[in-house]
Amino acid sequence: MSSVHDETAADWLQIIRSEYCEMPGLQLTRAQAGRLWGLDDRACGALLNALVGEKFLRVTADGRYTRTVIGRHRRDES
């Protein structure tokens, strides 16, 4: 892998993190995420899986990618 490719992936990961931080409650399917960011399915899947791997995102039972919230209080879950 070239360093340019790594920087591009790092840039995309930061863009995706920023979108999820700016829009609390954002839940996207892989297809929706690909359309939103203009990514092909393979690249989108790799980026989303990387964020799941670092526990920034999680996948819901219905296949949506959503932000992992640590230390959430019950009153915030309504």
N, C-alpha and C. Protein backbone atom coordinates (compact mmCIF):
# COMPACT_ATOMS: atom_id res chain seq x y z
N MET A 1 0.84 -1.19 0.00
CA MET A 1 0.00 0.00 0.00
C MET A 1 0.88 1.24 0.00
N SER A 2 0.51 2.18 -0.78
CA SER A 2 1.28 3.42 -0.80
C SER A 2 0.82 4.34 0.31
N SER A 3 1.67 5.29 0.68
CA SER A 3 1.30 6.22 1.74
C SER A 3 0.15 7.12 1.31
N VAL A 4 0.04 7.40 0.01
CA VAL A 4 -1.07 8.22 -0.49
C VAL A 4 -2.39 7.50 -0.22
N HIS A 5 -2.42 6.18 -0.48
CA HIS A 5 -3.63 5.40 -0.23
C HIS A 5 -3.97 5.43 1.25
N ASP A 6 -2.98 5.28 2.12
CA ASP A 6 -3.21 5.30 3.55
C ASP A 6 -3.76 6.65 3.99
N GLU A 7 -3.21 7.72 3.46
CA GLU A 7 -3.69 9.05 3.82
C GLU A 7 -5.14 9.24 3.36
N THR A 8 -5.45 8.74 2.21
CA THR A 8 -6.81 8.86 1.71
C THR A 8 -7.78 8.10 2.61
N ALA A 9 -7.43 6.90 3.00
CA ALA A 9 -8.28 6.13 3.90
C ALA A 9 -8.41 6.86 5.23
N ALA A 10 -7.32 7.39 5.75
CA ALA A 10 -7.36 8.12 7.02
C ALA A 10 -8.25 9.36 6.89
N ASP A 11 -8.16 10.04 5.76
CA ASP A 11 -9.02 11.20 5.53
C ASP A 11 -10.49 10.80 5.52
N TRP A 12 -10.82 9.70 4.83
CA TRP A 12 -12.20 9.25 4.77
C TRP A 12 -12.70 8.84 6.15
N LEU A 13 -11.85 8.16 6.91
CA LEU A 13 -12.26 7.76 8.26
C LEU A 13 -12.59 8.99 9.10
N GLN A 14 -11.80 10.04 8.97
CA GLN A 14 -12.06 11.27 9.72
C GLN A 14 -13.36 11.94 9.25
N ILE A 15 -13.59 11.94 7.96
CA ILE A 15 -14.83 12.52 7.42
C ILE A 15 -16.05 11.78 7.98
N ILE A 16 -15.99 10.46 7.97
CA ILE A 16 -17.11 9.66 8.46
C ILE A 16 -17.31 9.86 9.95
N ARG A 17 -16.21 9.86 10.72
CA ARG A 17 -16.31 10.13 12.16
C ARG A 17 -16.98 11.48 12.40
N SER A 18 -16.54 12.49 11.66
CA SER A 18 -17.09 13.84 11.84
C SER A 18 -18.60 13.88 11.57
N GLU A 19 -19.03 13.19 10.50
CA GLU A 19 -20.46 13.15 10.17
C GLU A 19 -21.26 12.53 11.31
N TYR A 20 -20.77 11.42 11.86
CA TYR A 20 -21.48 10.77 12.96
C TYR A 20 -21.47 11.63 14.22
N CYS A 21 -20.40 12.38 14.46
CA CYS A 21 -20.35 13.26 15.63
C CYS A 21 -21.27 14.47 15.47
N GLU A 22 -21.35 14.98 14.26
CA GLU A 22 -22.18 16.17 14.00
C GLU A 22 -23.67 15.84 13.95
N MET A 23 -24.01 14.59 13.68
CA MET A 23 -25.42 14.19 13.57
C MET A 23 -25.71 13.05 14.54
N PRO A 24 -25.90 13.38 15.82
CA PRO A 24 -26.20 12.32 16.79
C PRO A 24 -27.43 11.53 16.34
N GLY A 25 -27.36 10.25 16.51
CA GLY A 25 -28.49 9.41 16.11
C GLY A 25 -28.44 8.96 14.66
N LEU A 26 -27.41 9.37 13.92
CA LEU A 26 -27.30 8.96 12.52
C LEU A 26 -27.19 7.45 12.43
N GLN A 27 -28.02 6.86 11.59
CA GLN A 27 -28.02 5.41 11.36
C GLN A 27 -28.15 5.18 9.87
N LEU A 28 -27.13 4.58 9.28
CA LEU A 28 -27.12 4.37 7.84
C LEU A 28 -26.84 2.92 7.51
N THR A 29 -27.50 2.42 6.47
CA THR A 29 -27.11 1.13 5.94
C THR A 29 -25.82 1.34 5.14
N ARG A 30 -25.17 0.27 4.79
CA ARG A 30 -23.95 0.38 3.99
C ARG A 30 -24.24 1.06 2.65
N ALA A 31 -25.36 0.71 2.03
CA ALA A 31 -25.73 1.32 0.75
C ALA A 31 -25.99 2.81 0.90
N GLN A 32 -26.69 3.20 1.96
CA GLN A 32 -26.95 4.61 2.20
C GLN A 32 -25.66 5.39 2.44
N ALA A 33 -24.77 4.80 3.22
CA ALA A 33 -23.48 5.45 3.50
C ALA A 33 -22.69 5.64 2.21
N GLY A 34 -22.68 4.62 1.36
CA GLY A 34 -21.98 4.72 0.09
C GLY A 34 -22.52 5.84 -0.78
N ARG A 35 -23.84 5.95 -0.83
CA ARG A 35 -24.45 7.03 -1.61
C ARG A 35 -24.15 8.40 -1.01
N LEU A 36 -24.23 8.51 0.32
CA LEU A 36 -23.99 9.78 1.00
C LEU A 36 -22.58 10.30 0.71
N TRP A 37 -21.59 9.42 0.78
CA TRP A 37 -20.21 9.85 0.61
C TRP A 37 -19.63 9.58 -0.78
N GLY A 38 -20.45 9.04 -1.67
CA GLY A 38 -19.99 8.79 -3.03
C GLY A 38 -18.89 7.73 -3.11
N LEU A 39 -19.02 6.70 -2.29
CA LEU A 39 -18.02 5.63 -2.24
C LEU A 39 -18.56 4.36 -2.89
N ASP A 40 -17.69 3.61 -3.54
CA ASP A 40 -18.14 2.32 -4.06
C ASP A 40 -18.34 1.35 -2.88
N ASP A 41 -19.06 0.28 -3.12
CA ASP A 41 -19.44 -0.64 -2.06
C ASP A 41 -18.24 -1.21 -1.32
N ARG A 42 -17.22 -1.57 -2.04
CA ARG A 42 -16.03 -2.18 -1.42
C ARG A 42 -15.33 -1.19 -0.49
N ALA A 43 -15.09 0.02 -0.96
CA ALA A 43 -14.41 1.03 -0.14
C ALA A 43 -15.26 1.39 1.06
N CYS A 44 -16.55 1.57 0.85
CA CYS A 44 -17.45 1.93 1.93
C CYS A 44 -17.46 0.84 3.00
N GLY A 45 -17.56 -0.39 2.58
CA GLY A 45 -17.55 -1.51 3.53
C GLY A 45 -16.27 -1.57 4.33
N ALA A 46 -15.15 -1.36 3.67
CA ALA A 46 -13.85 -1.40 4.36
C ALA A 46 -13.76 -0.29 5.41
N LEU A 47 -14.20 0.90 5.05
CA LEU A 47 -14.15 2.03 5.99
C LEU A 47 -15.10 1.81 7.17
N LEU A 48 -16.32 1.39 6.89
CA LEU A 48 -17.27 1.15 7.97
C LEU A 48 -16.78 0.02 8.88
N ASN A 49 -16.24 -1.04 8.30
CA ASN A 49 -15.74 -2.15 9.11
C ASN A 49 -14.56 -1.72 9.97
N ALA A 50 -13.73 -0.82 9.45
CA ALA A 50 -12.61 -0.30 10.25
C ALA A 50 -13.14 0.47 11.46
N LEU A 51 -14.18 1.25 11.26
CA LEU A 51 -14.76 2.02 12.37
C LEU A 51 -15.49 1.12 13.37
N VAL A 52 -16.07 0.03 12.89
CA VAL A 52 -16.65 -0.96 13.80
C VAL A 52 -15.53 -1.63 14.59
N GLY A 53 -14.44 -1.94 13.91
CA GLY A 53 -13.30 -2.59 14.56
C GLY A 53 -12.69 -1.75 15.67
N GLU A 54 -12.71 -0.44 15.49
CA GLU A 54 -12.18 0.44 16.55
C GLU A 54 -13.26 0.85 17.54
N LYS A 55 -14.45 0.26 17.38
CA LYS A 55 -15.59 0.47 18.27
C LYS A 55 -16.12 1.91 18.26
N PHE A 56 -15.89 2.63 17.19
CA PHE A 56 -16.50 3.94 17.01
C PHE A 56 -17.94 3.77 16.53
N LEU A 57 -18.14 2.76 15.64
CA LEU A 57 -19.47 2.43 15.14
C LEU A 57 -19.82 1.01 15.58
N ARG A 58 -21.12 0.73 15.52
CA ARG A 58 -21.61 -0.63 15.72
C ARG A 58 -22.68 -0.88 14.67
N VAL A 59 -22.99 -2.13 14.43
CA VAL A 59 -24.01 -2.50 13.45
C VAL A 59 -25.23 -2.98 14.22
N THR A 60 -26.38 -2.39 13.91
CA THR A 60 -27.63 -2.79 14.57
C THR A 60 -28.12 -4.10 13.96
N ALA A 61 -29.12 -4.69 14.61
CA ALA A 61 -29.68 -5.96 14.14
C ALA A 61 -30.23 -5.86 12.72
N ASP A 62 -30.67 -4.65 12.32
CA ASP A 62 -31.21 -4.50 10.96
C ASP A 62 -30.17 -3.96 9.97
N GLY A 63 -28.89 -4.04 10.34
CA GLY A 63 -27.82 -3.73 9.39
C GLY A 63 -27.48 -2.25 9.25
N ARG A 64 -27.85 -1.44 10.21
CA ARG A 64 -27.52 -0.02 10.16
C ARG A 64 -26.28 0.26 11.00
N TYR A 65 -25.46 1.15 10.48
CA TYR A 65 -24.26 1.57 11.20
C TYR A 65 -24.59 2.80 12.02
N THR A 66 -24.33 2.71 13.30
CA THR A 66 -24.64 3.80 14.22
C THR A 66 -23.48 4.00 15.18
N ARG A 67 -23.42 5.15 15.78
CA ARG A 67 -22.33 5.49 16.69
C ARG A 67 -22.43 4.66 17.95
N THR A 68 -21.31 4.15 18.42
CA THR A 68 -21.24 3.44 19.68
C THR A 68 -21.21 4.49 20.78
N VAL A 69 -22.09 4.34 21.75
CA VAL A 69 -22.13 5.29 22.86
C VAL A 69 -21.71 4.54 24.12
N ILE A 70 -20.67 5.05 24.76
CA ILE A 70 -20.17 4.44 25.98
C ILE A 70 -20.64 5.29 27.16
N GLY A 71 -21.11 4.63 28.20
CA GLY A 71 -21.52 5.35 29.40
C GLY A 71 -22.86 6.04 29.27
N ARG A 72 -23.69 5.56 28.40
CA ARG A 72 -25.02 6.15 28.19
C ARG A 72 -25.89 5.88 29.42
N HIS A 73 -26.61 6.89 29.84
CA HIS A 73 -27.54 6.75 30.97
C HIS A 73 -28.90 6.33 30.43
N ARG A 74 -29.63 5.59 31.22
CA ARG A 74 -30.94 5.12 30.80
C ARG A 74 -31.85 6.24 30.31
N ARG A 75 -31.85 7.36 30.96
CA ARG A 75 -32.74 8.45 30.55
C ARG A 75 -32.43 8.95 29.15
N ASP A 76 -31.21 8.71 28.66
CA ASP A 76 -30.83 9.14 27.32
C ASP A 76 -31.28 8.16 26.25
N GLU A 77 -31.75 6.99 26.62
CA GLU A 77 -32.09 5.96 25.66
C GLU A 77 -33.52 6.04 25.15
N SER A 78 -34.30 6.96 25.60
CA SER A 78 -35.70 7.01 25.17
C SER A 78 -35.85 7.47 23.76
